[in-house]
Amino acid sequence: LRLFRPPLARGTVVVCARSASSRAERALAAHGVRVWRMPQGRGG
């Protein structure tokens, strides 16, 4: 996705559940995307 590639990646945050894949987080972080893990809510 364009949000995850330069030049947009470093201004992008992905919010996920605490149980989300650590491998996927590392892949995003390698592009400069920040990942925030959050508690579960209604439907997300």
All heavy atoms as atom14 arrays in JSON, in Angstrom:
{
  "sequence": "LRLFRPPLARGTVVVCARSASSRAERALAAHGVRVWRMPQGRGG",
  "atom14_mask": [
    [1, 1, 1, 1, 1, 1, 1, 1, 0, 0, 0, 0, 0, 0],
    [1, 1, 1, 1, 1, 1, 1, 1, 1, 1, 1, 0, 0, 0],
    [1, 1, 1, 1, 1, 1, 1, 1, 0, 0, 0, 0, 0, 0],
    [1, 1, 1, 1, 1, 1, 1, 1, 1, 1, 1, 0, 0, 0],
    [1, 1, 1, 1, 1, 1, 1, 1, 1, 1, 1, 0, 0, 0],
    [1, 1, 1, 1, 1, 1, 1, 0, 0, 0, 0, 0, 0, 0],
    [1, 1, 1, 1, 1, 1, 1, 0, 0, 0, 0, 0, 0, 0],
    [1, 1, 1, 1, 1, 1, 1, 1, 0, 0, 0, 0, 0, 0],
    [1, 1, 1, 1, 1, 0, 0, 0, 0, 0, 0, 0, 0, 0],
    [1, 1, 1, 1, 1, 1, 1, 1, 1, 1, 1, 0, 0, 0],
    [1, 1, 1, 1, 0, 0, 0, 0, 0, 0, 0, 0, 0, 0],
    [1, 1, 1, 1, 1, 1, 1, 0, 0, 0, 0, 0, 0, 0],
    [1, 1, 1, 1, 1, 1, 1, 0, 0, 0, 0, 0, 0, 0],
    [1, 1, 1, 1, 1, 1, 1, 0, 0, 0, 0, 0, 0, 0],
    [1, 1, 1, 1, 1, 1, 1, 0, 0, 0, 0, 0, 0, 0],
    [1, 1, 1, 1, 1, 1, 0, 0, 0, 0, 0, 0, 0, 0],
    [1, 1, 1, 1, 1, 0, 0, 0, 0, 0, 0, 0, 0, 0],
    [1, 1, 1, 1, 1, 1, 1, 1, 1, 1, 1, 0, 0, 0],
    [1, 1, 1, 1, 1, 1, 0, 0, 0, 0, 0, 0, 0, 0],
    [1, 1, 1, 1, 1, 0, 0, 0, 0, 0, 0, 0, 0, 0],
    [1, 1, 1, 1, 1, 1, 0, 0, 0, 0, 0, 0, 0, 0],
    [1, 1, 1, 1, 1, 1, 0, 0, 0, 0, 0, 0, 0, 0],
    [1, 1, 1, 1, 1, 1, 1, 1, 1, 1, 1, 0, 0, 0],
    [1, 1, 1, 1, 1, 0, 0, 0, 0, 0, 0, 0, 0, 0],
    [1, 1, 1, 1, 1, 1, 1, 1, 1, 0, 0, 0, 0, 0],
    [1, 1, 1, 1, 1, 1, 1, 1, 1, 1, 1, 0, 0, 0],
    [1, 1, 1, 1, 1, 0, 0, 0, 0, 0, 0, 0, 0, 0],
    [1, 1, 1, 1, 1, 1, 1, 1, 0, 0, 0, 0, 0, 0],
    [1, 1, 1, 1, 1, 0, 0, 0, 0, 0, 0, 0, 0, 0],
    [1, 1, 1, 1, 1, 0, 0, 0, 0, 0, 0, 0, 0, 0],
    [1, 1, 1, 1, 1, 1, 1, 1, 1, 1, 0, 0, 0, 0],
    [1, 1, 1, 1, 0, 0, 0, 0, 0, 0, 0, 0, 0, 0],
    [1, 1, 1, 1, 1, 1, 1, 0, 0, 0, 0, 0, 0, 0],
    [1, 1, 1, 1, 1, 1, 1, 1, 1, 1, 1, 0, 0, 0],
    [1, 1, 1, 1, 1, 1, 1, 0, 0, 0, 0, 0, 0, 0],
    [1, 1, 1, 1, 1, 1, 1, 1, 1, 1, 1, 1, 1, 1],
    [1, 1, 1, 1, 1, 1, 1, 1, 1, 1, 1, 0, 0, 0],
    [1, 1, 1, 1, 1, 1, 1, 1, 0, 0, 0, 0, 0, 0],
    [1, 1, 1, 1, 1, 1, 1, 0, 0, 0, 0, 0, 0, 0],
    [1, 1, 1, 1, 1, 1, 1, 1, 1, 0, 0, 0, 0, 0],
    [1, 1, 1, 1, 0, 0, 0, 0, 0, 0, 0, 0, 0, 0],
    [1, 1, 1, 1, 1, 1, 1, 1, 1, 1, 1, 0, 0, 0],
    [1, 1, 1, 1, 0, 0, 0, 0, 0, 0, 0, 0, 0, 0],
    [1, 1, 1, 1, 0, 0, 0, 0, 0, 0, 0, 0, 0, 0]
  ],
  "atom14_positions": [
    [[0.84, -1.2, 0.0], [0.0, 0.0, 0.0], [0.87, 1.25, 0.0], [1.95, 1.28, 0.59], [-0.92, 0.0, 1.22], [-2.0, -1.08, 1.29], [-2.82, -0.92, 2.56], [-2.91, -1.03, 0.06], [0.0, 0.0, 0.0], [0.0, 0.0, 0.0], [0.0, 0.0, 0.0], [0.0, 0.0, 0.0], [0.0, 0.0, 0.0], [0.0, 0.0, 0.0]],
    [[0.37, 2.31, -0.62], [1.14, 3.55, -0.71], [1.46, 4.13, 0.66], [2.51, 4.75, 0.86], [0.39, 4.58, -1.56], [0.35, 4.21, -3.03], [-0.2, 5.33, -3.88], [-1.63, 5.52, -3.68], [-2.38, 6.34, -4.42], [-1.82, 7.05, -5.4], [-3.67, 6.46, -4.2], [0.0, 0.0, 0.0], [0.0, 0.0, 0.0], [0.0, 0.0, 0.0]],
    [[0.56, 3.94, 1.63], [0.81, 4.46, 2.97], [2.01, 3.8, 3.64], [2.59, 4.37, 4.56], [-0.43, 4.24, 3.85], [-1.65, 5.11, 3.54], [-2.84, 4.65, 4.37], [-1.35, 6.57, 3.81], [0.0, 0.0, 0.0], [0.0, 0.0, 0.0], [0.0, 0.0, 0.0], [0.0, 0.0, 0.0], [0.0, 0.0, 0.0], [0.0, 0.0, 0.0]],
    [[2.38, 2.61, 3.16], [3.46, 1.86, 3.79], [4.77, 1.95, 3.01], [5.73, 1.26, 3.34], [3.06, 0.38, 3.93], [1.81, 0.15, 4.73], [1.07, -1.01, 4.56], [1.35, 1.1, 5.64], [-0.1, -1.23, 5.31], [0.19, 0.89, 6.37], [-0.53, -0.27, 6.2], [0.0, 0.0, 0.0], [0.0, 0.0, 0.0], [0.0, 0.0, 0.0]],
    [[4.8, 2.79, 1.99], [6.0, 2.95, 1.18], [6.46, 4.4, 1.23], [5.67, 5.31, 1.49], [5.73, 2.55, -0.28], [5.2, 1.14, -0.47], [5.37, 0.67, -1.92], [4.91, 1.63, -2.89], [3.71, 1.63, -3.47], [2.83, 0.71, -3.15], [3.38, 2.54, -4.36], [0.0, 0.0, 0.0], [0.0, 0.0, 0.0], [0.0, 0.0, 0.0]],
    [[7.75, 4.65, 0.98], [8.21, 6.04, 0.92], [7.44, 6.8, -0.16], [7.09, 6.21, -1.2], [9.7, 5.9, 0.55], [10.06, 4.51, 0.97], [8.83, 3.69, 0.74], [0.0, 0.0, 0.0], [0.0, 0.0, 0.0], [0.0, 0.0, 0.0], [0.0, 0.0, 0.0], [0.0, 0.0, 0.0], [0.0, 0.0, 0.0], [0.0, 0.0, 0.0]],
    [[7.19, 8.09, 0.05], [7.61, 8.91, 1.2], [6.58, 8.95, 2.33], [6.78, 9.66, 3.3], [7.73, 10.29, 0.57], [6.64, 10.31, -0.46], [6.56, 8.91, -1.02], [0.0, 0.0, 0.0], [0.0, 0.0, 0.0], [0.0, 0.0, 0.0], [0.0, 0.0, 0.0], [0.0, 0.0, 0.0], [0.0, 0.0, 0.0], [0.0, 0.0, 0.0]],
    [[5.49, 8.17, 2.21], [4.4, 8.29, 3.18], [4.61, 7.47, 4.44], [4.03, 7.78, 5.49], [3.07, 7.87, 2.52], [2.63, 8.68, 1.29], [1.31, 8.14, 0.76], [2.5, 10.16, 1.64], [0.0, 0.0, 0.0], [0.0, 0.0, 0.0], [0.0, 0.0, 0.0], [0.0, 0.0, 0.0], [0.0, 0.0, 0.0], [0.0, 0.0, 0.0]],
    [[5.44, 6.44, 4.37], [5.53, 5.48, 5.48], [5.89, 6.14, 6.8], [5.33, 5.8, 7.85], [6.55, 4.4, 5.13], [0.0, 0.0, 0.0], [0.0, 0.0, 0.0], [0.0, 0.0, 0.0], [0.0, 0.0, 0.0], [0.0, 0.0, 0.0], [0.0, 0.0, 0.0], [0.0, 0.0, 0.0], [0.0, 0.0, 0.0], [0.0, 0.0, 0.0]],
    [[6.83, 7.1, 6.78], [7.32, 7.66, 8.05], [6.3, 8.58, 8.71], [6.5, 8.98, 9.86], [8.64, 8.39, 7.82], [9.76, 7.44, 7.45], [11.13, 8.01, 7.64], [12.15, 7.01, 7.37], [12.56, 6.11, 8.24], [12.05, 6.09, 9.47], [13.48, 5.21, 7.93], [0.0, 0.0, 0.0], [0.0, 0.0, 0.0], [0.0, 0.0, 0.0]],
    [[5.23, 8.91, 8.05], [4.16, 9.68, 8.68], [2.92, 8.85, 8.92], [1.83, 9.41, 9.11], [0.0, 0.0, 0.0], [0.0, 0.0, 0.0], [0.0, 0.0, 0.0], [0.0, 0.0, 0.0], [0.0, 0.0, 0.0], [0.0, 0.0, 0.0], [0.0, 0.0, 0.0], [0.0, 0.0, 0.0], [0.0, 0.0, 0.0], [0.0, 0.0, 0.0]],
    [[3.08, 7.52, 8.91], [1.93, 6.61, 9.03], [2.07, 5.75, 10.28], [3.16, 5.29, 10.62], [1.83, 5.7, 7.79], [1.62, 6.51, 6.63], [0.67, 4.72, 7.92], [0.0, 0.0, 0.0], [0.0, 0.0, 0.0], [0.0, 0.0, 0.0], [0.0, 0.0, 0.0], [0.0, 0.0, 0.0], [0.0, 0.0, 0.0], [0.0, 0.0, 0.0]],
    [[0.95, 5.54, 10.96], [0.86, 4.65, 12.11], [-0.18, 3.58, 11.81], [-1.26, 3.89, 11.29], [0.46, 5.43, 13.38], [0.1, 4.47, 14.51], [1.57, 6.37, 13.81], [0.0, 0.0, 0.0], [0.0, 0.0, 0.0], [0.0, 0.0, 0.0], [0.0, 0.0, 0.0], [0.0, 0.0, 0.0], [0.0, 0.0, 0.0], [0.0, 0.0, 0.0]],
    [[0.11, 2.35, 12.14], [-0.87, 1.27, 12.06], [-1.22, 0.85, 13.48], [-0.33, 0.59, 14.3], [-0.34, 0.07, 11.25], [-1.39, -1.05, 11.25], [-0.02, 0.49, 9.83], [0.0, 0.0, 0.0], [0.0, 0.0, 0.0], [0.0, 0.0, 0.0], [0.0, 0.0, 0.0], [0.0, 0.0, 0.0], [0.0, 0.0, 0.0], [0.0, 0.0, 0.0]],
    [[-2.51, 0.81, 13.76], [-3.0, 0.44, 15.09], [-3.53, -0.99, 15.03], [-4.36, -1.31, 14.17], [-4.11, 1.41, 15.54], [-4.57, 1.06, 16.94], [-3.62, 2.85, 15.48], [0.0, 0.0, 0.0], [0.0, 0.0, 0.0], [0.0, 0.0, 0.0], [0.0, 0.0, 0.0], [0.0, 0.0, 0.0], [0.0, 0.0, 0.0], [0.0, 0.0, 0.0]],
    [[-3.07, -1.83, 15.93], [-3.45, -3.23, 15.88], [-3.76, -3.75, 17.29], [-3.5, -3.09, 18.29], [-2.34, -4.07, 15.25], [-0.82, -4.14, 16.24], [0.0, 0.0, 0.0], [0.0, 0.0, 0.0], [0.0, 0.0, 0.0], [0.0, 0.0, 0.0], [0.0, 0.0, 0.0], [0.0, 0.0, 0.0], [0.0, 0.0, 0.0], [0.0, 0.0, 0.0]],
    [[-4.27, -4.98, 17.32], [-4.52, -5.65, 18.6], [-3.2, -6.14, 19.17], [-2.21, -6.32, 18.46], [-5.47, -6.82, 18.39], [0.0, 0.0, 0.0], [0.0, 0.0, 0.0], [0.0, 0.0, 0.0], [0.0, 0.0, 0.0], [0.0, 0.0, 0.0], [0.0, 0.0, 0.0], [0.0, 0.0, 0.0], [0.0, 0.0, 0.0], [0.0, 0.0, 0.0]],
    [[-3.18, -6.37, 20.46], [-1.96, -6.84, 21.12], [-1.52, -8.22, 20.62], [-0.35, -8.58, 20.72], [-2.18, -6.86, 22.63], [-2.21, -5.46, 23.23], [-2.65, -5.47, 24.66], [-2.56, -4.12, 25.25], [-3.17, -3.76, 26.37], [-3.89, -4.64, 27.05], [-3.04, -2.53, 26.83], [0.0, 0.0, 0.0], [0.0, 0.0, 0.0], [0.0, 0.0, 0.0]],
    [[-2.47, -8.97, 20.05], [-2.16, -10.33, 19.59], [-1.71, -10.38, 18.14], [-1.45, -11.46, 17.61], [-3.4, -11.21, 19.76], [-4.5, -10.66, 19.0], [0.0, 0.0, 0.0], [0.0, 0.0, 0.0], [0.0, 0.0, 0.0], [0.0, 0.0, 0.0], [0.0, 0.0, 0.0], [0.0, 0.0, 0.0], [0.0, 0.0, 0.0], [0.0, 0.0, 0.0]],
    [[-1.6, -9.24, 17.46], [-1.25, -9.22, 16.04], [0.17, -9.74, 15.81], [1.02, -9.74, 16.72], [-1.4, -7.81, 15.49], [0.0, 0.0, 0.0], [0.0, 0.0, 0.0], [0.0, 0.0, 0.0], [0.0, 0.0, 0.0], [0.0, 0.0, 0.0], [0.0, 0.0, 0.0], [0.0, 0.0, 0.0], [0.0, 0.0, 0.0], [0.0, 0.0, 0.0]],
    [[0.45, -10.12, 14.58], [1.71, -10.75, 14.2], [2.91, -9.85, 14.46], [2.97, -8.71, 13.99], [1.65, -11.12, 12.71], [2.93, -11.39, 12.21], [0.0, 0.0, 0.0], [0.0, 0.0, 0.0], [0.0, 0.0, 0.0], [0.0, 0.0, 0.0], [0.0, 0.0, 0.0], [0.0, 0.0, 0.0], [0.0, 0.0, 0.0], [0.0, 0.0, 0.0]],
    [[3.91, -10.39, 15.16], [5.16, -9.65, 15.39], [5.96, -9.55, 14.09], [6.64, -8.57, 13.84], [5.99, -10.36, 16.45], [5.34, -10.33, 17.69], [0.0, 0.0, 0.0], [0.0, 0.0, 0.0], [0.0, 0.0, 0.0], [0.0, 0.0, 0.0], [0.0, 0.0, 0.0], [0.0, 0.0, 0.0], [0.0, 0.0, 0.0], [0.0, 0.0, 0.0]],
    [[5.87, -10.58, 13.24], [6.58, -10.53, 11.96], [6.04, -9.39, 11.1], [6.82, -8.66, 10.48], [6.42, -11.86, 11.23], [6.97, -11.82, 9.81], [6.69, -13.09, 9.05], [7.67, -14.12, 9.38], [7.72, -15.31, 8.77], [6.82, -15.62, 7.85], [8.64, -16.18, 9.1], [0.0, 0.0, 0.0], [0.0, 0.0, 0.0], [0.0, 0.0, 0.0]],
    [[4.73, -9.24, 11.05], [4.14, -8.15, 10.26], [4.54, -6.8, 10.83], [4.8, -5.85, 10.08], [2.62, -8.29, 10.25], [0.0, 0.0, 0.0], [0.0, 0.0, 0.0], [0.0, 0.0, 0.0], [0.0, 0.0, 0.0], [0.0, 0.0, 0.0], [0.0, 0.0, 0.0], [0.0, 0.0, 0.0], [0.0, 0.0, 0.0], [0.0, 0.0, 0.0]],
    [[4.63, -6.7, 12.15], [5.08, -5.44, 12.76], [6.51, -5.11, 12.35], [6.82, -3.96, 12.0], [4.98, -5.52, 14.27], [5.46, -4.25, 14.97], [5.34, -4.3, 16.47], [4.83, -5.3, 17.0], [5.75, -3.32, 17.12], [0.0, 0.0, 0.0], [0.0, 0.0, 0.0], [0.0, 0.0, 0.0], [0.0, 0.0, 0.0], [0.0, 0.0, 0.0]],
    [[7.38, -6.09, 12.36], [8.77, -5.85, 11.97], [8.88, -5.42, 10.51], [9.69, -4.57, 10.17], [9.61, -7.11, 12.24], [9.85, -7.39, 13.71], [10.92, -8.45, 13.89], [10.53, -9.74, 13.34], [9.88, -10.68, 14.0], [9.52, -10.47, 15.28], [9.57, -11.83, 13.44], [0.0, 0.0, 0.0], [0.0, 0.0, 0.0], [0.0, 0.0, 0.0]],
    [[8.04, -6.01, 9.66], [8.06, -5.66, 8.23], [7.63, -4.21, 8.04], [8.23, -3.47, 7.24], [7.16, -6.6, 7.44], [0.0, 0.0, 0.0], [0.0, 0.0, 0.0], [0.0, 0.0, 0.0], [0.0, 0.0, 0.0], [0.0, 0.0, 0.0], [0.0, 0.0, 0.0], [0.0, 0.0, 0.0], [0.0, 0.0, 0.0], [0.0, 0.0, 0.0]],
    [[6.62, -3.78, 8.76], [6.17, -2.39, 8.67], [7.23, -1.45, 9.23], [7.53, -0.4, 8.64], [4.85, -2.21, 9.42], [3.61, -2.83, 8.77], [2.44, -2.82, 9.74], [3.25, -2.08, 7.49], [0.0, 0.0, 0.0], [0.0, 0.0, 0.0], [0.0, 0.0, 0.0], [0.0, 0.0, 0.0], [0.0, 0.0, 0.0], [0.0, 0.0, 0.0]],
    [[7.81, -1.82, 10.37], [8.83, -0.98, 11.0], [10.05, -0.8, 10.09], [10.69, 0.25, 10.09], [9.25, -1.57, 12.34], [0.0, 0.0, 0.0], [0.0, 0.0, 0.0], [0.0, 0.0, 0.0], [0.0, 0.0, 0.0], [0.0, 0.0, 0.0], [0.0, 0.0, 0.0], [0.0, 0.0, 0.0], [0.0, 0.0, 0.0], [0.0, 0.0, 0.0]],
    [[10.34, -1.82, 9.29], [11.48, -1.72, 8.36], [11.26, -0.65, 7.31], [12.22, -0.1, 6.77], [11.72, -3.08, 7.7], [0.0, 0.0, 0.0], [0.0, 0.0, 0.0], [0.0, 0.0, 0.0], [0.0, 0.0, 0.0], [0.0, 0.0, 0.0], [0.0, 0.0, 0.0], [0.0, 0.0, 0.0], [0.0, 0.0, 0.0], [0.0, 0.0, 0.0]],
    [[10.0, -0.35, 7.02], [9.68, 0.71, 6.06], [9.54, 2.08, 6.73], [9.35, 3.08, 6.05], [8.37, 0.38, 5.34], [8.48, -0.76, 4.38], [9.0, -0.65, 3.11], [8.15, -2.07, 4.52], [8.98, -1.81, 2.51], [8.46, -2.7, 3.34], [0.0, 0.0, 0.0], [0.0, 0.0, 0.0], [0.0, 0.0, 0.0], [0.0, 0.0, 0.0]],
    [[9.6, 2.11, 8.07], [9.45, 3.37, 8.79], [8.06, 3.61, 9.34], [7.8, 4.66, 9.92], [0.0, 0.0, 0.0], [0.0, 0.0, 0.0], [0.0, 0.0, 0.0], [0.0, 0.0, 0.0], [0.0, 0.0, 0.0], [0.0, 0.0, 0.0], [0.0, 0.0, 0.0], [0.0, 0.0, 0.0], [0.0, 0.0, 0.0], [0.0, 0.0, 0.0]],
    [[7.17, 2.63, 9.19], [5.81, 2.74, 9.72], [5.82, 2.4, 11.21], [6.42, 1.4, 11.62], [4.84, 1.79, 8.98], [3.44, 1.85, 9.59], [4.79, 2.14, 7.5], [0.0, 0.0, 0.0], [0.0, 0.0, 0.0], [0.0, 0.0, 0.0], [0.0, 0.0, 0.0], [0.0, 0.0, 0.0], [0.0, 0.0, 0.0], [0.0, 0.0, 0.0]],
    [[5.17, 3.23, 12.02], [5.05, 2.92, 13.44], [3.84, 2.02, 13.68], [2.82, 2.14, 12.99], [4.89, 4.2, 14.26], [6.17, 5.0, 14.4], [5.98, 6.17, 15.34], [5.19, 7.24, 14.74], [4.67, 8.25, 15.41], [4.8, 8.31, 16.73], [3.99, 9.19, 14.8], [0.0, 0.0, 0.0], [0.0, 0.0, 0.0], [0.0, 0.0, 0.0]],
    [[3.96, 1.12, 14.64], [2.87, 0.22, 15.0], [2.53, 0.43, 16.47], [3.41, 0.39, 17.32], [3.25, -1.26, 14.75], [2.14, -2.19, 15.24], [3.52, -1.5, 13.27], [0.0, 0.0, 0.0], [0.0, 0.0, 0.0], [0.0, 0.0, 0.0], [0.0, 0.0, 0.0], [0.0, 0.0, 0.0], [0.0, 0.0, 0.0], [0.0, 0.0, 0.0]],
    [[1.24, 0.69, 16.73], [0.76, 0.84, 18.1], [-0.15, -0.33, 18.42], [-1.16, -0.56, 17.74], [-0.04, 2.13, 18.26], [0.75, 3.39, 18.09], [2.09, 3.54, 18.03], [0.2, 4.72, 17.97], [2.44, 4.85, 17.88], [1.29, 5.6, 17.85], [-1.08, 5.24, 17.97], [1.12, 6.98, 17.7], [-1.27, 6.6, 17.83], [-0.16, 7.47, 17.7]],
    [[0.18, -1.06, 19.47], [-0.68, -2.16, 19.92], [-1.66, -1.63, 20.96], [-1.26, -0.94, 21.89], [0.16, -3.3, 20.47], [1.0, -3.99, 19.39], [1.8, -5.15, 19.93], [2.57, -5.78, 18.86], [2.14, -6.78, 18.11], [0.94, -7.3, 18.35], [2.9, -7.28, 17.15], [0.0, 0.0, 0.0], [0.0, 0.0, 0.0], [0.0, 0.0, 0.0]],
    [[-2.93, -1.99, 20.79], [-4.0, -1.46, 21.63], [-4.82, -2.59, 22.23], [-4.87, -3.69, 21.68], [-4.93, -0.56, 20.79], [-4.31, 0.68, 20.25], [-4.17, 1.94, 21.53], [-2.9, 2.97, 20.81], [0.0, 0.0, 0.0], [0.0, 0.0, 0.0], [0.0, 0.0, 0.0], [0.0, 0.0, 0.0], [0.0, 0.0, 0.0], [0.0, 0.0, 0.0]],
    [[-5.5, -2.32, 23.34], [-6.45, -3.31, 23.85], [-7.6, -3.53, 22.87], [-7.87, -2.68, 22.02], [-6.97, -2.69, 25.15], [-6.35, -1.35, 25.27], [-5.4, -1.13, 24.17], [0.0, 0.0, 0.0], [0.0, 0.0, 0.0], [0.0, 0.0, 0.0], [0.0, 0.0, 0.0], [0.0, 0.0, 0.0], [0.0, 0.0, 0.0], [0.0, 0.0, 0.0]],
    [[-8.25, -4.67, 22.98], [-9.35, -5.01, 22.1], [-10.57, -4.18, 22.43], [-10.86, -3.88, 23.59], [-9.69, -6.5, 22.23], [-10.54, -7.06, 21.11], [-9.78, -7.24, 19.81], [-8.55, -7.23, 19.81], [-10.5, -7.39, 18.71], [0.0, 0.0, 0.0], [0.0, 0.0, 0.0], [0.0, 0.0, 0.0], [0.0, 0.0, 0.0], [0.0, 0.0, 0.0]],
    [[-11.29, -3.79, 21.39], [-12.55, -3.08, 21.55], [-13.65, -3.79, 20.79], [-13.47, -4.9, 20.29], [0.0, 0.0, 0.0], [0.0, 0.0, 0.0], [0.0, 0.0, 0.0], [0.0, 0.0, 0.0], [0.0, 0.0, 0.0], [0.0, 0.0, 0.0], [0.0, 0.0, 0.0], [0.0, 0.0, 0.0], [0.0, 0.0, 0.0], [0.0, 0.0, 0.0]],
    [[-14.79, -3.12, 20.67], [-15.94, -3.7, 19.96], [-15.63, -3.8, 18.46], [-15.55, -2.8, 17.77], [-17.18, -2.82, 20.18], [-18.45, -3.31, 19.53], [-19.6, -2.39, 19.91], [-20.86, -2.77, 19.28], [-21.3, -2.24, 18.15], [-20.59, -1.32, 17.53], [-22.46, -2.63, 17.64], [0.0, 0.0, 0.0], [0.0, 0.0, 0.0], [0.0, 0.0, 0.0]],
    [[-15.39, -5.03, 17.99], [-15.15, -5.23, 16.58], [-13.77, -4.84, 16.1], [-13.51, -4.8, 14.9], [0.0, 0.0, 0.0], [0.0, 0.0, 0.0], [0.0, 0.0, 0.0], [0.0, 0.0, 0.0], [0.0, 0.0, 0.0], [0.0, 0.0, 0.0], [0.0, 0.0, 0.0], [0.0, 0.0, 0.0], [0.0, 0.0, 0.0], [0.0, 0.0, 0.0]],
    [[-12.85, -4.54, 17.01], [-11.5, -4.13, 16.61], [-10.73, -3.61, 17.8], [-10.94, -4.04, 18.93], [0.0, 0.0, 0.0], [0.0, 0.0, 0.0], [0.0, 0.0, 0.0], [0.0, 0.0, 0.0], [0.0, 0.0, 0.0], [0.0, 0.0, 0.0], [0.0, 0.0, 0.0], [0.0, 0.0, 0.0], [0.0, 0.0, 0.0], [0.0, 0.0, 0.0]]
  ]
}
